[in-house]
């Protein structure tokens, strides 16, 4: 349980911070797509008896390339291309899971094994937190500029397409690490739910990141306690706790929107 709490804390910090940019850049569907597209890689790794990371990493690359190719086909929109790739990859994973060579407990790939993290899983989660912290710190100004005024970013000397690519690479790496604990179906919750909750409660990116990471950690710990005392699945309990936080934020967000607007002193600049 202590190891599960440690892993969920690390995943919550990384997922909460990165999730803010996922929500602001409207990449929630992309996050879900990447998570579901790596299912065949997870199944192959389980059948081969190797760490899931070895199957998830190449699968996410194949999925990203397939989405890019499908989106460029004449008459095919990006949304349609993503949907075709996701359903194809997930269906392939389901077929592989029905193979006689599939090991017992293959369903844990869908719902995760949060209560059984190995040392390598904890190390990967810690490395993910470090990677996300460094990358978001270096890209913060550029992501902020592109997120709120995309048309003028080229005049500032950087490409919004490269920023999108960097964000998607970070997201793919985070999903590959987090999917081992939260599972293929539930991993997207930690990258979308806390950030969407924080978005209801603040309109400034700094507080939003801090609040999102805090909510992700608290919801993760609450889900683990629910799992411990109620005997429910850990990953599903964490996802349920994240949804509960989101539902509570809805009325709080309305109250926040009704607050008196702060007036800046004459000559002051709001950043």
C-alpha atoms as a PDB file:
ATOM      1  CA  UNK A   1       0.000   0.000   0.000  1.00  0.00           C
ATOM      2  CA  UNK A   2       2.848   2.384   0.824  1.00  0.00           C
ATOM      3  CA  UNK A   3       4.492   1.643  -2.523  1.00  0.00           C
ATOM      4  CA  UNK A   4       1.171   2.213  -4.290  1.00  0.00           C
ATOM      5  CA  UNK A   5       0.805   5.568  -2.516  1.00  0.00           C
ATOM      6  CA  UNK A   6       4.304   6.547  -3.597  1.00  0.00           C
ATOM      7  CA  UNK A   7       3.661   5.612  -7.213  1.00  0.00           C
ATOM      8  CA  UNK A   8       0.288   7.404  -7.261  1.00  0.00           C
ATOM      9  CA  UNK A   9       1.882  10.518  -5.762  1.00  0.00           C
ATOM     10  CA  UNK A  10       4.553  10.560  -8.467  1.00  0.00           C
ATOM     11  CA  UNK A  11       2.035   9.908 -11.252  1.00  0.00           C
ATOM     12  CA  UNK A  12      -0.276  12.552  -9.806  1.00  0.00           C
ATOM     13  CA  UNK A  13       2.440  15.203  -9.784  1.00  0.00           C
ATOM     14  CA  UNK A  14       3.442  14.480 -13.375  1.00  0.00           C
ATOM     15  CA  UNK A  15      -0.073  13.920 -14.697  1.00  0.00           C
ATOM     16  CA  UNK A  16      -1.556  16.929 -12.921  1.00  0.00           C
ATOM     17  CA  UNK A  17       1.068  19.339 -14.248  1.00  0.00           C
ATOM     18  CA  UNK A  18       1.166  17.972 -17.784  1.00  0.00           C
ATOM     19  CA  UNK A  19      -2.616  17.646 -17.871  1.00  0.00           C
ATOM     20  CA  UNK A  20      -3.073  21.416 -17.639  1.00  0.00           C
ATOM     21  CA  UNK A  21      -1.466  21.855 -21.037  1.00  0.00           C
ATOM     22  CA  UNK A  22      -3.378  18.839 -22.385  1.00  0.00           C
ATOM     23  CA  UNK A  23      -6.645  20.549 -21.409  1.00  0.00           C
ATOM     24  CA  UNK A  24      -5.633  24.043 -22.551  1.00  0.00           C
ATOM     25  CA  UNK A  25      -4.380  22.729 -25.909  1.00  0.00           C
ATOM     26  CA  UNK A  26      -7.528  20.591 -26.301  1.00  0.00           C
ATOM     27  CA  UNK A  27      -5.552  17.345 -26.505  1.00  0.00           C
ATOM     28  CA  UNK A  28      -7.817  15.264 -24.264  1.00  0.00           C
ATOM     29  CA  UNK A  29      -8.949  13.105 -27.198  1.00  0.00           C
ATOM     30  CA  UNK A  30      -5.325  12.671 -28.267  1.00  0.00           C
ATOM     31  CA  UNK A  31      -4.444  11.481 -24.764  1.00  0.00           C
ATOM     32  CA  UNK A  32      -7.220   8.899 -24.813  1.00  0.00           C
ATOM     33  CA  UNK A  33      -6.241   7.825 -28.319  1.00  0.00           C
ATOM     34  CA  UNK A  34      -2.593   7.283 -27.427  1.00  0.00           C
ATOM     35  CA  UNK A  35      -3.558   5.342 -24.302  1.00  0.00           C
ATOM     36  CA  UNK A  36      -5.855   2.948 -26.160  1.00  0.00           C
ATOM     37  CA  UNK A  37      -3.506   2.562 -29.128  1.00  0.00           C
ATOM     38  CA  UNK A  38      -0.729   1.000 -27.066  1.00  0.00           C
ATOM     39  CA  UNK A  39      -2.893  -1.961 -26.018  1.00  0.00           C
ATOM     40  CA  UNK A  40      -1.416  -4.412 -28.583  1.00  0.00           C
ATOM     41  CA  UNK A  41       2.093  -3.506 -27.428  1.00  0.00           C
ATOM     42  CA  UNK A  42       1.114  -4.221 -23.825  1.00  0.00           C
ATOM     43  CA  UNK A  43      -0.352  -7.602 -24.789  1.00  0.00           C
ATOM     44  CA  UNK A  44       2.729  -8.593 -26.795  1.00  0.00           C
ATOM     45  CA  UNK A  45       4.979  -7.629 -23.871  1.00  0.00           C
ATOM     46  CA  UNK A  46       2.836  -9.681 -21.477  1.00  0.00           C
ATOM     47  CA  UNK A  47       2.924 -12.719 -23.779  1.00  0.00           C
ATOM     48  CA  UNK A  48       6.690 -12.380 -24.214  1.00  0.00           C
ATOM     49  CA  UNK A  49       7.182 -12.004 -20.470  1.00  0.00           C
ATOM     50  CA  UNK A  50       9.096  -8.726 -20.733  1.00  0.00           C
ATOM     51  CA  UNK A  51       8.394  -5.420 -18.934  1.00  0.00           C
ATOM     52  CA  UNK A  52       5.318  -3.636 -20.287  1.00  0.00           C
ATOM     53  CA  UNK A  53       7.451  -0.595 -21.048  1.00  0.00           C
ATOM     54  CA  UNK A  54       9.175  -2.547 -23.837  1.00  0.00           C
ATOM     55  CA  UNK A  55       5.868  -3.108 -25.574  1.00  0.00           C
ATOM     56  CA  UNK A  56       4.227   0.248 -24.862  1.00  0.00           C
ATOM     57  CA  UNK A  57       7.086   2.415 -26.159  1.00  0.00           C
ATOM     58  CA  UNK A  58       7.208   1.072 -29.758  1.00  0.00           C
ATOM     59  CA  UNK A  59       3.398   0.806 -29.856  1.00  0.00           C
ATOM     60  CA  UNK A  60       2.941   4.489 -29.113  1.00  0.00           C
ATOM     61  CA  UNK A  61       5.402   5.361 -31.905  1.00  0.00           C
ATOM     62  CA  UNK A  62       3.524   3.146 -34.375  1.00  0.00           C
ATOM     63  CA  UNK A  63       0.214   4.712 -33.320  1.00  0.00           C
ATOM     64  CA  UNK A  64       1.544   8.263 -33.711  1.00  0.00           C
ATOM     65  CA  UNK A  65       2.926   7.506 -37.187  1.00  0.00           C
ATOM     66  CA  UNK A  66      -0.307   5.789 -38.235  1.00  0.00           C
ATOM     67  CA  UNK A  67      -2.382   8.775 -37.080  1.00  0.00           C
ATOM     68  CA  UNK A  68      -0.096  11.154 -38.971  1.00  0.00           C
ATOM     69  CA  UNK A  69      -0.370   9.092 -42.177  1.00  0.00           C
ATOM     70  CA  UNK A  70      -4.139   8.577 -41.895  1.00  0.00           C
ATOM     71  CA  UNK A  71      -4.712  12.282 -41.301  1.00  0.00           C
ATOM     72  CA  UNK A  72      -2.953  13.130 -44.572  1.00  0.00           C
ATOM     73  CA  UNK A  73      -5.144  10.905 -46.743  1.00  0.00           C
ATOM     74  CA  UNK A  74      -7.418  12.870 -49.108  1.00  0.00           C
ATOM     75  CA  UNK A  75     -10.897  13.329 -47.716  1.00  0.00           C
ATOM     76  CA  UNK A  76      -9.960  12.044 -44.253  1.00  0.00           C
ATOM     77  CA  UNK A  77     -10.104  14.513 -41.362  1.00  0.00           C
ATOM     78  CA  UNK A  78      -7.768  14.280 -38.395  1.00  0.00           C
ATOM     79  CA  UNK A  79     -10.587  13.124 -36.102  1.00  0.00           C
ATOM     80  CA  UNK A  80     -11.550  10.317 -38.482  1.00  0.00           C
ATOM     81  CA  UNK A  81      -7.913   9.277 -38.880  1.00  0.00           C
ATOM     82  CA  UNK A  82      -7.452   9.127 -35.106  1.00  0.00           C
ATOM     83  CA  UNK A  83     -10.662   7.119 -34.661  1.00  0.00           C
ATOM     84  CA  UNK A  84      -9.664   4.580 -37.334  1.00  0.00           C
ATOM     85  CA  UNK A  85      -6.185   4.078 -35.870  1.00  0.00           C
ATOM     86  CA  UNK A  86      -7.443   3.796 -32.285  1.00  0.00           C
ATOM     87  CA  UNK A  87     -10.141   1.243 -33.068  1.00  0.00           C
ATOM     88  CA  UNK A  88      -7.749  -0.767 -35.240  1.00  0.00           C
ATOM     89  CA  UNK A  89      -4.991  -0.848 -32.620  1.00  0.00           C
ATOM     90  CA  UNK A  90      -7.330  -1.599 -29.728  1.00  0.00           C
ATOM     91  CA  UNK A  91      -9.072  -4.325 -31.742  1.00  0.00           C
ATOM     92  CA  UNK A  92      -5.694  -5.857 -32.597  1.00  0.00           C
ATOM     93  CA  UNK A  93      -4.809  -5.858 -28.911  1.00  0.00           C
ATOM     94  CA  UNK A  94      -8.093  -7.601 -28.062  1.00  0.00           C
ATOM     95  CA  UNK A  95      -7.410 -10.303 -30.675  1.00  0.00           C
ATOM     96  CA  UNK A  96      -3.901 -10.854 -29.318  1.00  0.00           C
ATOM     97  CA  UNK A  97      -5.286 -11.065 -25.785  1.00  0.00           C
ATOM     98  CA  UNK A  98      -7.524 -13.972 -26.878  1.00  0.00           C
ATOM     99  CA  UNK A  99      -4.468 -15.952 -27.996  1.00  0.00           C
ATOM    100  CA  UNK A 100      -3.841 -19.265 -26.171  1.00  0.00           C
ATOM    101  CA  UNK A 101      -0.388 -17.918 -25.317  1.00  0.00           C
ATOM    102  CA  UNK A 102      -1.844 -15.053 -23.269  1.00  0.00           C
ATOM    103  CA  UNK A 103      -0.817 -15.340 -19.616  1.00  0.00           C
ATOM    104  CA  UNK A 104      -3.416 -15.460 -16.806  1.00  0.00           C
ATOM    105  CA  UNK A 105      -4.581 -12.056 -15.568  1.00  0.00           C
ATOM    106  CA  UNK A 106      -4.288 -10.379 -18.966  1.00  0.00           C
ATOM    107  CA  UNK A 107      -7.233  -8.159 -17.945  1.00  0.00           C
ATOM    108  CA  UNK A 108      -4.907  -6.236 -15.609  1.00  0.00           C
ATOM    109  CA  UNK A 109      -3.558  -4.529 -18.727  1.00  0.00           C
ATOM    110  CA  UNK A 110      -6.924  -2.784 -19.053  1.00  0.00           C
ATOM    111  CA  UNK A 111      -7.359  -1.765 -15.426  1.00  0.00           C
ATOM    112  CA  UNK A 112      -3.785  -1.643 -14.164  1.00  0.00           C
ATOM    113  CA  UNK A 113      -1.996  -3.095 -11.157  1.00  0.00           C
ATOM    114  CA  UNK A 114      -1.522  -0.073  -8.929  1.00  0.00           C
ATOM    115  CA  UNK A 115      -1.005  -2.177  -5.809  1.00  0.00           C
ATOM    116  CA  UNK A 116       1.954  -4.079  -7.209  1.00  0.00           C
ATOM    117  CA  UNK A 117       4.563  -1.580  -8.454  1.00  0.00           C
ATOM    118  CA  UNK A 118       8.060  -2.949  -8.870  1.00  0.00           C
ATOM    119  CA  UNK A 119      11.203  -0.957  -8.143  1.00  0.00           C
ATOM    120  CA  UNK A 120      11.551  -0.275 -11.861  1.00  0.00           C
ATOM    121  CA  UNK A 121       8.008   1.166 -11.971  1.00  0.00           C
ATOM    122  CA  UNK A 122       8.752   3.552  -9.111  1.00  0.00           C
ATOM    123  CA  UNK A 123      12.034   4.584 -10.717  1.00  0.00           C
ATOM    124  CA  UNK A 124      10.280   5.224 -14.042  1.00  0.00           C
ATOM    125  CA  UNK A 125       7.597   7.310 -12.290  1.00  0.00           C
ATOM    126  CA  UNK A 126      10.250   9.373 -10.481  1.00  0.00           C
ATOM    127  CA  UNK A 127      12.125   9.902 -13.753  1.00  0.00           C
ATOM    128  CA  UNK A 128       8.850  10.973 -15.377  1.00  0.00           C
ATOM    129  CA  UNK A 129       8.285  13.637 -12.719  1.00  0.00           C
ATOM    130  CA  UNK A 130      11.793  14.984 -13.302  1.00  0.00           C
ATOM    131  CA  UNK A 131      11.357  14.954 -17.097  1.00  0.00           C
ATOM    132  CA  UNK A 132       7.971  16.718 -16.965  1.00  0.00           C
ATOM    133  CA  UNK A 133       9.229  19.322 -14.491  1.00  0.00           C
ATOM    134  CA  UNK A 134      12.301  20.201 -16.586  1.00  0.00           C
ATOM    135  CA  UNK A 135      10.474  20.161 -19.932  1.00  0.00           C
ATOM    136  CA  UNK A 136       7.523  22.259 -18.760  1.00  0.00           C
ATOM    137  CA  UNK A 137       9.836  24.735 -17.069  1.00  0.00           C
ATOM    138  CA  UNK A 138      11.860  25.203 -20.256  1.00  0.00           C
ATOM    139  CA  UNK A 139       8.787  25.414 -22.481  1.00  0.00           C
ATOM    140  CA  UNK A 140       6.518  27.356 -20.125  1.00  0.00           C
ATOM    141  CA  UNK A 141       6.744  30.758 -21.810  1.00  0.00           C
ATOM    142  CA  UNK A 142       6.414  29.347 -25.308  1.00  0.00           C
ATOM    143  CA  UNK A 143       3.502  27.085 -24.371  1.00  0.00           C
ATOM    144  CA  UNK A 144       1.749  29.993 -22.714  1.00  0.00           C
ATOM    145  CA  UNK A 145       2.222  32.266 -25.710  1.00  0.00           C
ATOM    146  CA  UNK A 146       1.078  29.653 -28.220  1.00  0.00           C
ATOM    147  CA  UNK A 147      -1.840  28.608 -26.076  1.00  0.00           C
ATOM    148  CA  UNK A 148      -3.330  32.069 -25.778  1.00  0.00           C
ATOM    149  CA  UNK A 149      -2.204  33.756 -28.999  1.00  0.00           C
ATOM    150  CA  UNK A 150      -1.209  31.067 -31.478  1.00  0.00           C
ATOM    151  CA  UNK A 151      -1.250  33.404 -34.477  1.00  0.00           C
ATOM    152  CA  UNK A 152       1.576  35.572 -33.164  1.00  0.00           C
ATOM    153  CA  UNK A 153       3.942  32.824 -32.013  1.00  0.00           C
ATOM    154  CA  UNK A 154       5.888  32.730 -35.286  1.00  0.00           C
ATOM    155  CA  UNK A 155       6.646  36.422 -34.887  1.00  0.00           C
ATOM    156  CA  UNK A 156       8.235  35.541 -31.535  1.00  0.00           C
ATOM    157  CA  UNK A 157      10.610  33.116 -33.226  1.00  0.00           C
ATOM    158  CA  UNK A 158       9.195  29.663 -32.553  1.00  0.00           C
ATOM    159  CA  UNK A 159       6.828  27.263 -34.278  1.00  0.00           C
ATOM    160  CA  UNK A 160       3.527  26.227 -32.684  1.00  0.00           C
ATOM    161  CA  UNK A 161       3.733  22.909 -34.549  1.00  0.00           C
ATOM    162  CA  UNK A 162       7.000  22.081 -32.772  1.00  0.00           C
ATOM    163  CA  UNK A 163       5.398  22.949 -29.453  1.00  0.00           C
ATOM    164  CA  UNK A 164       2.497  20.636 -30.234  1.00  0.00           C
ATOM    165  CA  UNK A 165       4.965  17.869 -31.098  1.00  0.00           C
ATOM    166  CA  UNK A 166       6.952  18.406 -27.890  1.00  0.00           C
ATOM    167  CA  UNK A 167       3.763  18.299 -25.831  1.00  0.00           C
ATOM    168  CA  UNK A 168       2.580  15.111 -27.536  1.00  0.00           C
ATOM    169  CA  UNK A 169       5.968  13.452 -27.004  1.00  0.00           C
ATOM    170  CA  UNK A 170       5.793  14.308 -23.294  1.00  0.00           C
ATOM    171  CA  UNK A 171       2.236  13.001 -23.169  1.00  0.00           C
ATOM    172  CA  UNK A 172       3.198   9.755 -24.892  1.00  0.00           C
ATOM    173  CA  UNK A 173       6.104   9.191 -22.484  1.00  0.00           C
ATOM    174  CA  UNK A 174       3.858   9.879 -19.499  1.00  0.00           C
ATOM    175  CA  UNK A 175       1.172   7.473 -20.723  1.00  0.00           C
ATOM    176  CA  UNK A 176       3.742   4.732 -21.303  1.00  0.00           C
ATOM    177  CA  UNK A 177       4.905   5.045 -17.681  1.00  0.00           C
ATOM    178  CA  UNK A 178       1.490   5.544 -16.061  1.00  0.00           C
ATOM    179  CA  UNK A 179      -0.321   2.782 -17.967  1.00  0.00           C
ATOM    180  CA  UNK A 180       1.492   0.105 -15.972  1.00  0.00           C
ATOM    181  CA  UNK A 181      -0.249   1.219 -12.790  1.00  0.00           C
ATOM    182  CA  UNK A 182      -3.556   2.634 -13.987  1.00  0.00           C
ATOM    183  CA  UNK A 183      -4.226   0.417 -16.981  1.00  0.00           C
ATOM    184  CA  UNK A 184      -5.055   1.037 -20.612  1.00  0.00           C
ATOM    185  CA  UNK A 185      -8.632   2.198 -19.980  1.00  0.00           C
ATOM    186  CA  UNK A 186      -8.119   4.380 -16.913  1.00  0.00           C
ATOM    187  CA  UNK A 187      -4.755   6.057 -17.442  1.00  0.00           C
ATOM    188  CA  UNK A 188      -6.222   9.061 -19.256  1.00  0.00           C
ATOM    189  CA  UNK A 189      -8.143  10.050 -16.098  1.00  0.00           C
ATOM    190  CA  UNK A 190      -5.027  11.345 -14.339  1.00  0.00           C
ATOM    191  CA  UNK A 191      -4.085  13.537 -17.326  1.00  0.00           C
ATOM    192  CA  UNK A 192      -7.503  15.115 -17.884  1.00  0.00           C
ATOM    193  CA  UNK A 193      -9.636  14.965 -14.722  1.00  0.00           C
ATOM    194  CA  UNK A 194      -7.456  16.949 -12.264  1.00  0.00           C
ATOM    195  CA  UNK A 195      -6.615  19.614 -14.852  1.00  0.00           C
ATOM    196  CA  UNK A 196     -10.260  19.988 -15.875  1.00  0.00           C
ATOM    197  CA  UNK A 197     -11.152  20.325 -12.189  1.00  0.00           C
ATOM    198  CA  UNK A 198      -8.503  22.978 -11.592  1.00  0.00           C
ATOM    199  CA  UNK A 199      -9.652  24.856 -14.699  1.00  0.00           C
ATOM    200  CA  UNK A 200     -13.022  25.462 -13.005  1.00  0.00           C
ATOM    201  CA  UNK A 201     -11.346  26.999  -9.984  1.00  0.00           C
ATOM    202  CA  UNK A 202      -8.732  29.342 -11.425  1.00  0.00           C
ATOM    203  CA  UNK A 203      -7.982  31.257 -14.602  1.00  0.00           C
ATOM    204  CA  UNK A 204      -4.213  31.591 -14.111  1.00  0.00           C
ATOM    205  CA  UNK A 205      -1.833  28.941 -15.381  1.00  0.00           C
ATOM    206  CA  UNK A 206       0.531  28.890 -12.379  1.00  0.00           C
ATOM    207  CA  UNK A 207      -2.160  28.251  -9.761  1.00  0.00           C
ATOM    208  CA  UNK A 208      -3.884  25.880 -12.179  1.00  0.00           C
ATOM    209  CA  UNK A 209      -0.788  23.661 -12.438  1.00  0.00           C
ATOM    210  CA  UNK A 210      -0.256  23.649  -8.663  1.00  0.00           C
ATOM    211  CA  UNK A 211      -3.938  22.944  -7.983  1.00  0.00           C
ATOM    212  CA  UNK A 212      -4.150  20.239 -10.639  1.00  0.00           C
ATOM    213  CA  UNK A 213      -1.118  18.381  -9.268  1.00  0.00           C
ATOM    214  CA  UNK A 214      -2.504  18.644  -5.725  1.00  0.00           C
ATOM    215  CA  UNK A 215      -5.913  17.344  -6.802  1.00  0.00           C
ATOM    216  CA  UNK A 216      -4.324  14.452  -8.705  1.00  0.00           C
ATOM    217  CA  UNK A 217      -2.314  13.386  -5.654  1.00  0.00           C
ATOM    218  CA  UNK A 218      -5.231  13.759  -3.222  1.00  0.00           C
ATOM    219  CA  UNK A 219      -7.625  11.926  -5.529  1.00  0.00           C
ATOM    220  CA  UNK A 220      -5.063   9.165  -6.010  1.00  0.00           C
ATOM    221  CA  UNK A 221      -4.605   8.689  -2.277  1.00  0.00           C
ATOM    222  CA  UNK A 222      -8.374   8.856  -1.681  1.00  0.00           C
ATOM    223  CA  UNK A 223      -8.900   6.196  -4.341  1.00  0.00           C
ATOM    224  CA  UNK A 224      -6.314   3.933  -2.734  1.00  0.00           C
ATOM    225  CA  UNK A 225      -7.967   4.280   0.690  1.00  0.00           C
ATOM    226  CA  UNK A 226     -11.329   3.484  -0.903  1.00  0.00           C
ATOM    227  CA  UNK A 227      -9.790   0.422  -2.531  1.00  0.00           C
ATOM    228  CA  UNK A 228      -8.247  -0.701   0.772  1.00  0.00           C
ATOM    229  CA  UNK A 229     -11.363  -0.380   2.919  1.00  0.00           C
ATOM    230  CA  UNK A 230     -14.070  -1.207   0.342  1.00  0.00           C
ATOM    231  CA  UNK A 231     -12.180  -3.983  -1.430  1.00  0.00           C
ATOM    232  CA  UNK A 232     -12.574  -2.352  -4.847  1.00  0.00           C
ATOM    233  CA  UNK A 233     -10.091  -2.290  -7.744  1.00  0.00           C
ATOM    234  CA  UNK A 234      -7.370   0.291  -7.077  1.00  0.00           C
ATOM    235  CA  UNK A 235      -7.204   1.856 -10.546  1.00  0.00           C
ATOM    236  CA  UNK A 236     -10.980   2.128 -10.854  1.00  0.00           C
ATOM    237  CA  UNK A 237     -11.197   3.621  -7.356  1.00  0.00           C
ATOM    238  CA  UNK A 238      -8.642   6.284  -8.263  1.00  0.00           C
ATOM    239  CA  UNK A 239     -10.557   7.146 -11.441  1.00  0.00           C
ATOM    240  CA  UNK A 240     -13.793   7.356  -9.417  1.00  0.00           C
ATOM    241  CA  UNK A 241     -12.143   9.711  -6.907  1.00  0.00           C
ATOM    242  CA  UNK A 242     -10.926  11.958  -9.730  1.00  0.00           C
ATOM    243  CA  UNK A 243     -14.470  12.121 -11.136  1.00  0.00           C
ATOM    244  CA  UNK A 244     -15.791  12.977  -7.649  1.00  0.00           C
ATOM    245  CA  UNK A 245     -13.344  15.891  -7.377  1.00  0.00           C
ATOM    246  CA  UNK A 246     -14.467  17.089 -10.793  1.00  0.00           C
ATOM    247  CA  UNK A 247     -18.157  16.975  -9.853  1.00  0.00           C
ATOM    248  CA  UNK A 248     -17.500  18.931  -6.658  1.00  0.00           C
ATOM    249  CA  UNK A 249     -15.631  21.562  -8.677  1.00  0.00           C
ATOM    250  CA  UNK A 250     -18.671  22.299 -10.868  1.00  0.00           C
ATOM    251  CA  UNK A 251     -20.669  24.309  -8.288  1.00  0.00           C
ATOM    252  CA  UNK A 252     -17.462  25.757  -6.842  1.00  0.00           C
ATOM    253  CA  UNK A 253     -16.504  26.898 -10.332  1.00  0.00           C
ATOM    254  CA  UNK A 254     -19.818  28.712 -10.737  1.00  0.00           C
ATOM    255  CA  UNK A 255     -19.270  30.516  -7.441  1.00  0.00           C
ATOM    256  CA  UNK A 256     -15.744  31.412  -8.556  1.00  0.00           C
ATOM    257  CA  UNK A 257     -17.084  32.836 -11.822  1.00  0.00           C
ATOM    258  CA  UNK A 258     -19.492  35.068  -9.874  1.00  0.00           C
ATOM    259  CA  UNK A 259     -16.776  36.597  -7.697  1.00  0.00           C
ATOM    260  CA  UNK A 260     -16.170  40.359  -8.054  1.00  0.00           C
ATOM    261  CA  UNK A 261     -13.537  41.006 -10.733  1.00  0.00           C
ATOM    262  CA  UNK A 262     -10.294  42.417  -9.409  1.00  0.00           C
ATOM    263  CA  UNK A 263      -9.334  45.742 -10.852  1.00  0.00           C
ATOM    264  CA  UNK A 264      -5.695  46.323 -11.659  1.00  0.00           C
ATOM    265  CA  UNK A 265      -4.121  49.651 -10.538  1.00  0.00           C
ATOM    266  CA  UNK A 266      -3.650  52.242 -13.229  1.00  0.00           C
ATOM    267  CA  UNK A 267      -0.566  51.450 -15.285  1.00  0.00           C
ATOM    268  CA  UNK A 268      -0.265  47.899 -13.973  1.00  0.00           C
ATOM    269  CA  UNK A 269       0.151  44.915 -16.284  1.00  0.00           C
ATOM    270  CA  UNK A 270      -1.489  41.563 -15.612  1.00  0.00           C
ATOM    271  CA  UNK A 271       0.643  38.602 -16.666  1.00  0.00           C
END
